[in-house]
Amino acid sequence: MPVRAVLVCIAALFFAAFTVYMEGPGLMRDMQLRNAALVPAHDLKVEEASCTSHWWILSNCTISYTQPRARERESIHVSVFGTLGGERFQLMRAPDNRTVTTDVVVAKFTNRVTTMVFLLAAFATIGFFAFRRVIA
């Protein structure tokens, strides 16, 4: 049994699970909010916003914010194809007044779904061919 193929299989499974863990909840939240009447959340304070671009192909962004009278930070994580560098965002609140997202995150919803599907398909393909080498 080739050790390298087993390690590649485990890594593909790990990265696929990590992608679902990081992107899944945000995509489900924004799927419910994509047609909602969002309003600007002026009472929220942005603590930190950072984006990392990987070869101008994939960008990962995190926006951390706090609510008034709350001490812990909450964050929104986004992965998209292309770059988000220089784009200005605004925190938006859903009509239920509990759910928070941003205007850019909702506008890039289709891009985010495509990114997640592509990454999961890539990890599944890598895992499939590594698994074939393990059982061969």
N, C-alpha and C. Protein backbone atom coordinates (compact mmCIF):
# COMPACT_ATOMS: atom_id res chain seq x y z
N MET A 1 0.86 -1.19 0.00
CA MET A 1 0.00 0.00 0.00
C MET A 1 0.90 1.24 0.00
N PRO A 2 0.76 2.09 -1.02
CA PRO A 2 1.60 3.28 -1.10
C PRO A 2 1.24 4.31 -0.01
N VAL A 3 2.22 4.69 0.77
CA VAL A 3 2.02 5.62 1.87
C VAL A 3 1.66 7.01 1.34
N ARG A 4 2.30 7.43 0.26
CA ARG A 4 2.03 8.75 -0.29
C ARG A 4 0.56 8.87 -0.71
N ALA A 5 0.02 7.86 -1.34
CA ALA A 5 -1.38 7.90 -1.78
C ALA A 5 -2.33 7.99 -0.59
N VAL A 6 -2.01 7.29 0.49
CA VAL A 6 -2.85 7.35 1.69
C VAL A 6 -2.81 8.76 2.28
N LEU A 7 -1.62 9.35 2.34
CA LEU A 7 -1.49 10.71 2.87
C LEU A 7 -2.24 11.72 1.99
N VAL A 8 -2.18 11.57 0.68
CA VAL A 8 -2.90 12.47 -0.22
C VAL A 8 -4.40 12.31 -0.02
N CYS A 9 -4.85 11.08 0.17
CA CYS A 9 -6.28 10.82 0.43
C CYS A 9 -6.73 11.51 1.72
N ILE A 10 -5.95 11.37 2.76
CA ILE A 10 -6.27 12.00 4.04
C ILE A 10 -6.26 13.52 3.92
N ALA A 11 -5.28 14.07 3.21
CA ALA A 11 -5.19 15.52 3.03
C ALA A 11 -6.39 16.04 2.23
N ALA A 12 -6.77 15.34 1.17
CA ALA A 12 -7.93 15.76 0.36
C ALA A 12 -9.20 15.75 1.21
N LEU A 13 -9.37 14.74 2.02
CA LEU A 13 -10.54 14.66 2.90
C LEU A 13 -10.52 15.79 3.93
N PHE A 14 -9.35 16.05 4.49
CA PHE A 14 -9.22 17.13 5.47
C PHE A 14 -9.56 18.49 4.85
N PHE A 15 -8.98 18.79 3.68
CA PHE A 15 -9.23 20.08 3.05
C PHE A 15 -10.68 20.24 2.59
N ALA A 16 -11.30 19.16 2.16
CA ALA A 16 -12.71 19.23 1.78
C ALA A 16 -13.57 19.51 3.03
N ALA A 17 -13.29 18.83 4.13
CA ALA A 17 -14.04 19.06 5.36
C ALA A 17 -13.81 20.48 5.89
N PHE A 18 -12.58 20.96 5.79
CA PHE A 18 -12.26 22.31 6.25
C PHE A 18 -12.99 23.36 5.40
N THR A 19 -13.07 23.13 4.09
CA THR A 19 -13.79 24.05 3.20
C THR A 19 -15.26 24.12 3.57
N VAL A 20 -15.87 22.97 3.81
CA VAL A 20 -17.28 22.95 4.19
C VAL A 20 -17.47 23.62 5.55
N TYR A 21 -16.57 23.39 6.48
CA TYR A 21 -16.66 23.99 7.82
C TYR A 21 -16.56 25.51 7.76
N MET A 22 -15.65 26.02 6.92
CA MET A 22 -15.43 27.47 6.86
C MET A 22 -16.49 28.18 6.01
N GLU A 23 -16.89 27.60 4.90
CA GLU A 23 -17.76 28.28 3.95
C GLU A 23 -19.24 27.91 4.09
N GLY A 24 -19.53 26.71 4.53
CA GLY A 24 -20.91 26.23 4.57
C GLY A 24 -21.88 27.09 5.35
N PRO A 25 -21.58 27.42 6.61
CA PRO A 25 -22.53 28.23 7.39
C PRO A 25 -22.79 29.61 6.78
N GLY A 26 -21.75 30.25 6.27
CA GLY A 26 -21.92 31.56 5.65
C GLY A 26 -22.75 31.49 4.38
N LEU A 27 -22.54 30.44 3.59
CA LEU A 27 -23.34 30.28 2.37
C LEU A 27 -24.80 30.01 2.70
N MET A 28 -25.05 29.21 3.71
CA MET A 28 -26.44 28.95 4.10
C MET A 28 -27.11 30.22 4.61
N ARG A 29 -26.38 31.01 5.39
CA ARG A 29 -26.91 32.28 5.90
C ARG A 29 -27.25 33.21 4.74
N ASP A 30 -26.31 33.36 3.81
CA ASP A 30 -26.52 34.29 2.72
C ASP A 30 -27.52 33.79 1.68
N MET A 31 -27.71 32.49 1.60
CA MET A 31 -28.75 31.97 0.70
C MET A 31 -30.12 32.42 1.19
N GLN A 32 -30.30 32.43 2.50
CA GLN A 32 -31.57 32.88 3.06
C GLN A 32 -31.73 34.40 2.94
N LEU A 33 -30.61 35.13 2.89
CA LEU A 33 -30.67 36.59 2.89
C LEU A 33 -30.57 37.22 1.50
N ARG A 34 -30.32 36.43 0.47
CA ARG A 34 -30.02 37.03 -0.84
C ARG A 34 -31.15 37.87 -1.41
N ASN A 35 -32.40 37.61 -1.03
CA ASN A 35 -33.53 38.40 -1.52
C ASN A 35 -34.18 39.23 -0.41
N ALA A 36 -33.56 39.26 0.75
CA ALA A 36 -34.12 40.00 1.88
C ALA A 36 -33.83 41.50 1.73
N ALA A 37 -34.63 42.29 2.39
CA ALA A 37 -34.43 43.74 2.40
C ALA A 37 -33.43 44.08 3.50
N LEU A 38 -32.16 44.06 3.16
CA LEU A 38 -31.11 44.33 4.14
C LEU A 38 -31.00 45.83 4.40
N VAL A 39 -30.68 46.17 5.63
CA VAL A 39 -30.51 47.58 6.01
C VAL A 39 -29.11 47.75 6.59
N PRO A 40 -28.50 48.91 6.39
CA PRO A 40 -27.17 49.15 6.95
C PRO A 40 -27.17 49.03 8.47
N ALA A 41 -26.13 48.40 9.00
CA ALA A 41 -26.01 48.21 10.45
C ALA A 41 -25.00 49.22 10.98
N HIS A 42 -25.45 50.44 11.19
CA HIS A 42 -24.57 51.51 11.63
C HIS A 42 -24.13 51.35 13.07
N ASP A 43 -24.83 50.54 13.85
CA ASP A 43 -24.47 50.36 15.26
C ASP A 43 -23.33 49.37 15.46
N LEU A 44 -22.96 48.62 14.44
CA LEU A 44 -21.88 47.65 14.56
C LEU A 44 -20.54 48.31 14.28
N LYS A 45 -19.51 47.86 14.98
CA LYS A 45 -18.19 48.43 14.81
C LYS A 45 -17.26 47.39 14.18
N VAL A 46 -16.69 47.74 13.04
CA VAL A 46 -15.73 46.85 12.38
C VAL A 46 -14.41 46.93 13.13
N GLU A 47 -13.94 45.79 13.60
CA GLU A 47 -12.68 45.72 14.34
C GLU A 47 -11.51 45.46 13.41
N GLU A 48 -11.72 44.57 12.43
CA GLU A 48 -10.63 44.21 11.53
C GLU A 48 -11.22 43.65 10.25
N ALA A 49 -10.60 43.99 9.14
CA ALA A 49 -10.98 43.43 7.84
C ALA A 49 -9.69 43.13 7.09
N SER A 50 -9.55 41.88 6.64
CA SER A 50 -8.34 41.52 5.92
C SER A 50 -8.66 40.55 4.80
N CYS A 51 -7.95 40.69 3.71
CA CYS A 51 -8.10 39.80 2.55
C CYS A 51 -6.72 39.30 2.14
N THR A 52 -6.66 38.05 1.77
CA THR A 52 -5.45 37.44 1.26
C THR A 52 -5.76 36.89 -0.12
N SER A 53 -4.98 37.29 -1.10
CA SER A 53 -5.17 36.82 -2.46
C SER A 53 -4.09 35.81 -2.78
N HIS A 54 -4.48 34.71 -3.36
CA HIS A 54 -3.54 33.64 -3.73
C HIS A 54 -3.41 33.63 -5.25
N TRP A 55 -2.32 34.19 -5.75
CA TRP A 55 -2.02 34.24 -7.18
C TRP A 55 -3.15 34.87 -7.99
N TRP A 56 -3.87 35.80 -7.45
CA TRP A 56 -4.97 36.49 -8.12
C TRP A 56 -6.07 35.54 -8.58
N ILE A 57 -6.07 34.33 -8.05
CA ILE A 57 -7.07 33.33 -8.43
C ILE A 57 -8.12 33.18 -7.34
N LEU A 58 -7.68 33.07 -6.11
CA LEU A 58 -8.58 32.84 -4.98
C LEU A 58 -8.29 33.86 -3.89
N SER A 59 -9.34 34.46 -3.36
CA SER A 59 -9.19 35.41 -2.26
C SER A 59 -9.95 34.91 -1.04
N ASN A 60 -9.33 35.02 0.12
CA ASN A 60 -9.96 34.70 1.39
C ASN A 60 -10.03 35.99 2.20
N CYS A 61 -11.23 36.36 2.65
CA CYS A 61 -11.41 37.59 3.41
C CYS A 61 -12.11 37.28 4.73
N THR A 62 -11.71 38.00 5.75
CA THR A 62 -12.34 37.90 7.06
C THR A 62 -12.66 39.30 7.55
N ILE A 63 -13.88 39.48 8.00
CA ILE A 63 -14.33 40.75 8.55
C ILE A 63 -14.77 40.49 9.98
N SER A 64 -14.10 41.11 10.94
CA SER A 64 -14.45 40.95 12.35
C SER A 64 -15.15 42.21 12.84
N TYR A 65 -16.20 42.03 13.60
CA TYR A 65 -16.96 43.17 14.10
C TYR A 65 -17.48 42.87 15.49
N THR A 66 -17.86 43.93 16.20
CA THR A 66 -18.47 43.78 17.52
C THR A 66 -19.80 44.51 17.54
N GLN A 67 -20.68 43.99 18.37
CA GLN A 67 -21.97 44.63 18.56
C GLN A 67 -21.88 45.52 19.79
N PRO A 68 -22.73 46.54 19.86
CA PRO A 68 -22.70 47.38 21.06
C PRO A 68 -23.06 46.54 22.29
N ARG A 69 -22.41 46.81 23.37
CA ARG A 69 -22.64 46.10 24.63
C ARG A 69 -22.25 44.62 24.56
N ALA A 70 -21.47 44.24 23.58
CA ALA A 70 -20.98 42.86 23.49
C ALA A 70 -19.46 42.91 23.45
N ARG A 71 -18.84 42.00 24.12
CA ARG A 71 -17.39 42.03 24.19
C ARG A 71 -16.72 41.11 23.18
N GLU A 72 -17.38 40.03 22.82
CA GLU A 72 -16.74 39.10 21.90
C GLU A 72 -16.93 39.55 20.45
N ARG A 73 -15.90 39.24 19.67
CA ARG A 73 -15.93 39.56 18.25
C ARG A 73 -16.71 38.48 17.49
N GLU A 74 -17.38 38.92 16.47
CA GLU A 74 -17.99 37.99 15.54
C GLU A 74 -17.31 38.23 14.21
N SER A 75 -17.31 37.22 13.34
CA SER A 75 -16.61 37.40 12.08
C SER A 75 -17.37 36.77 10.92
N ILE A 76 -17.09 37.29 9.76
CA ILE A 76 -17.65 36.78 8.51
C ILE A 76 -16.45 36.38 7.66
N HIS A 77 -16.46 35.14 7.17
CA HIS A 77 -15.37 34.63 6.35
C HIS A 77 -15.90 34.36 4.94
N VAL A 78 -15.13 34.77 3.93
CA VAL A 78 -15.55 34.66 2.54
C VAL A 78 -14.39 34.19 1.68
N SER A 79 -14.65 33.26 0.77
CA SER A 79 -13.68 32.86 -0.26
C SER A 79 -14.33 33.04 -1.62
N VAL A 80 -13.61 33.71 -2.52
CA VAL A 80 -14.13 33.96 -3.87
C VAL A 80 -13.03 33.77 -4.90
N PHE A 81 -13.43 33.49 -6.15
CA PHE A 81 -12.49 33.52 -7.26
C PHE A 81 -12.24 34.98 -7.59
N GLY A 82 -11.00 35.32 -7.89
CA GLY A 82 -10.65 36.70 -8.19
C GLY A 82 -10.18 37.40 -6.94
N THR A 83 -10.07 38.71 -7.03
CA THR A 83 -9.60 39.48 -5.88
C THR A 83 -10.71 40.38 -5.35
N LEU A 84 -10.64 40.65 -4.08
CA LEU A 84 -11.54 41.60 -3.43
C LEU A 84 -10.78 42.80 -2.90
N GLY A 85 -9.53 42.89 -3.24
CA GLY A 85 -8.71 43.97 -2.73
C GLY A 85 -9.24 45.34 -3.14
N GLY A 86 -9.34 46.23 -2.19
CA GLY A 86 -9.78 47.58 -2.46
C GLY A 86 -11.28 47.78 -2.47
N GLU A 87 -12.05 46.71 -2.41
CA GLU A 87 -13.50 46.88 -2.39
C GLU A 87 -13.94 47.33 -1.00
N ARG A 88 -14.84 48.27 -0.98
CA ARG A 88 -15.38 48.76 0.29
C ARG A 88 -16.65 47.97 0.59
N PHE A 89 -16.83 47.65 1.82
CA PHE A 89 -18.00 46.88 2.23
C PHE A 89 -18.76 47.64 3.30
N GLN A 90 -19.98 47.25 3.46
CA GLN A 90 -20.81 47.82 4.52
C GLN A 90 -21.52 46.68 5.22
N LEU A 91 -21.46 46.68 6.55
CA LEU A 91 -22.18 45.68 7.30
C LEU A 91 -23.68 45.91 7.13
N MET A 92 -24.40 44.84 6.88
CA MET A 92 -25.84 44.92 6.66
C MET A 92 -26.53 43.98 7.63
N ARG A 93 -27.72 44.37 8.03
CA ARG A 93 -28.51 43.58 8.98
C ARG A 93 -29.78 43.11 8.29
N ALA A 94 -30.16 41.88 8.60
CA ALA A 94 -31.39 41.31 8.04
C ALA A 94 -32.61 41.89 8.76
N PRO A 95 -33.79 41.71 8.19
CA PRO A 95 -35.00 42.23 8.83
C PRO A 95 -35.23 41.66 10.24
N ASP A 96 -34.71 40.45 10.53
CA ASP A 96 -34.90 39.89 11.88
C ASP A 96 -34.02 40.59 12.92
N ASN A 97 -33.12 41.47 12.48
CA ASN A 97 -32.26 42.28 13.33
C ASN A 97 -31.21 41.46 14.08
N ARG A 98 -31.05 40.19 13.75
CA ARG A 98 -30.05 39.35 14.40
C ARG A 98 -28.94 38.94 13.45
N THR A 99 -29.26 38.72 12.20
CA THR A 99 -28.31 38.20 11.24
C THR A 99 -27.57 39.35 10.56
N VAL A 100 -26.24 39.22 10.51
CA VAL A 100 -25.40 40.27 9.92
C VAL A 100 -24.62 39.68 8.76
N THR A 101 -24.51 40.45 7.69
CA THR A 101 -23.70 40.10 6.53
C THR A 101 -23.16 41.39 5.95
N THR A 102 -22.56 41.36 4.79
CA THR A 102 -22.11 42.59 4.15
C THR A 102 -22.68 42.68 2.74
N ASP A 103 -22.66 43.87 2.19
CA ASP A 103 -23.18 44.06 0.85
C ASP A 103 -22.34 43.32 -0.19
N VAL A 104 -21.02 43.31 -0.04
CA VAL A 104 -20.14 42.64 -0.99
C VAL A 104 -20.32 41.13 -0.93
N VAL A 105 -20.49 40.60 0.28
CA VAL A 105 -20.66 39.16 0.46
C VAL A 105 -21.94 38.68 -0.24
N VAL A 106 -23.01 39.43 -0.12
CA VAL A 106 -24.26 39.05 -0.77
C VAL A 106 -24.14 39.22 -2.29
N ALA A 107 -23.47 40.28 -2.72
CA ALA A 107 -23.31 40.51 -4.16
C ALA A 107 -22.45 39.43 -4.82
N LYS A 108 -21.53 38.84 -4.09
CA LYS A 108 -20.64 37.80 -4.63
C LYS A 108 -21.15 36.39 -4.31
N PHE A 109 -22.43 36.25 -4.03
CA PHE A 109 -22.97 34.95 -3.61
C PHE A 109 -22.73 33.87 -4.67
N THR A 110 -23.03 34.14 -5.93
CA THR A 110 -22.85 33.14 -6.98
C THR A 110 -21.38 32.75 -7.12
N ASN A 111 -20.50 33.73 -7.02
CA ASN A 111 -19.07 33.47 -7.07
C ASN A 111 -18.65 32.56 -5.92
N ARG A 112 -19.18 32.80 -4.74
CA ARG A 112 -18.83 31.99 -3.57
C ARG A 112 -19.31 30.56 -3.71
N VAL A 113 -20.52 30.37 -4.23
CA VAL A 113 -21.04 29.01 -4.44
C VAL A 113 -20.18 28.29 -5.47
N THR A 114 -19.83 28.98 -6.56
CA THR A 114 -18.98 28.40 -7.59
C THR A 114 -17.62 28.02 -7.02
N THR A 115 -17.06 28.87 -6.19
CA THR A 115 -15.77 28.60 -5.58
C THR A 115 -15.83 27.35 -4.71
N MET A 116 -16.87 27.24 -3.89
CA MET A 116 -16.98 26.08 -3.01
C MET A 116 -17.18 24.79 -3.81
N VAL A 117 -18.03 24.83 -4.81
CA VAL A 117 -18.27 23.64 -5.64
C VAL A 117 -16.98 23.23 -6.36
N PHE A 118 -16.26 24.20 -6.91
CA PHE A 118 -15.02 23.89 -7.61
C PHE A 118 -13.99 23.28 -6.66
N LEU A 119 -13.81 23.89 -5.48
CA LEU A 119 -12.84 23.35 -4.53
C LEU A 119 -13.20 21.95 -4.07
N LEU A 120 -14.48 21.73 -3.77
CA LEU A 120 -14.89 20.38 -3.35
C LEU A 120 -14.71 19.37 -4.47
N ALA A 121 -15.01 19.76 -5.71
CA ALA A 121 -14.80 18.85 -6.84
C ALA A 121 -13.31 18.54 -7.03
N ALA A 122 -12.47 19.55 -6.85
CA ALA A 122 -11.02 19.32 -6.98
C ALA A 122 -10.52 18.38 -5.89
N PHE A 123 -10.94 18.60 -4.64
CA PHE A 123 -10.51 17.71 -3.56
C PHE A 123 -11.06 16.30 -3.76
N ALA A 124 -12.29 16.18 -4.24
CA ALA A 124 -12.88 14.86 -4.49
C ALA A 124 -12.12 14.14 -5.60
N THR A 125 -11.73 14.85 -6.64
CA THR A 125 -10.99 14.24 -7.74
C THR A 125 -9.61 13.77 -7.27
N ILE A 126 -8.93 14.62 -6.53
CA ILE A 126 -7.62 14.24 -5.99
C ILE A 126 -7.76 13.03 -5.07
N GLY A 127 -8.76 13.07 -4.19
CA GLY A 127 -8.99 11.94 -3.28
C GLY A 127 -9.34 10.66 -4.01
N PHE A 128 -10.15 10.78 -5.06
CA PHE A 128 -10.55 9.60 -5.84
C PHE A 128 -9.34 8.92 -6.47
N PHE A 129 -8.49 9.70 -7.14
CA PHE A 129 -7.33 9.10 -7.80
C PHE A 129 -6.30 8.59 -6.79
N ALA A 130 -6.17 9.24 -5.66
CA ALA A 130 -5.28 8.74 -4.61
C ALA A 130 -5.82 7.44 -4.03
N PHE A 131 -7.15 7.38 -3.83
CA PHE A 131 -7.77 6.17 -3.29
C PHE A 131 -7.61 5.01 -4.28
N ARG A 132 -7.72 5.28 -5.56
CA ARG A 132 -7.53 4.23 -6.57
C ARG A 132 -6.12 3.64 -6.48
N ARG A 133 -5.15 4.48 -6.18
CA ARG A 133 -3.77 3.98 -6.05
C ARG A 133 -3.62 3.16 -4.77
N VAL A 134 -4.39 3.52 -3.74
CA VAL A 134 -4.30 2.78 -2.48
C VAL A 134 -4.84 1.37 -2.66
N ILE A 135 -5.97 1.25 -3.33
CA ILE A 135 -6.59 -0.08 -3.45
C ILE A 135 -6.03 -0.89 -4.61
N ALA A 136 -5.22 -0.28 -5.47
CA ALA A 136 -4.67 -1.01 -6.63
C ALA A 136 -3.52 -1.89 -6.23
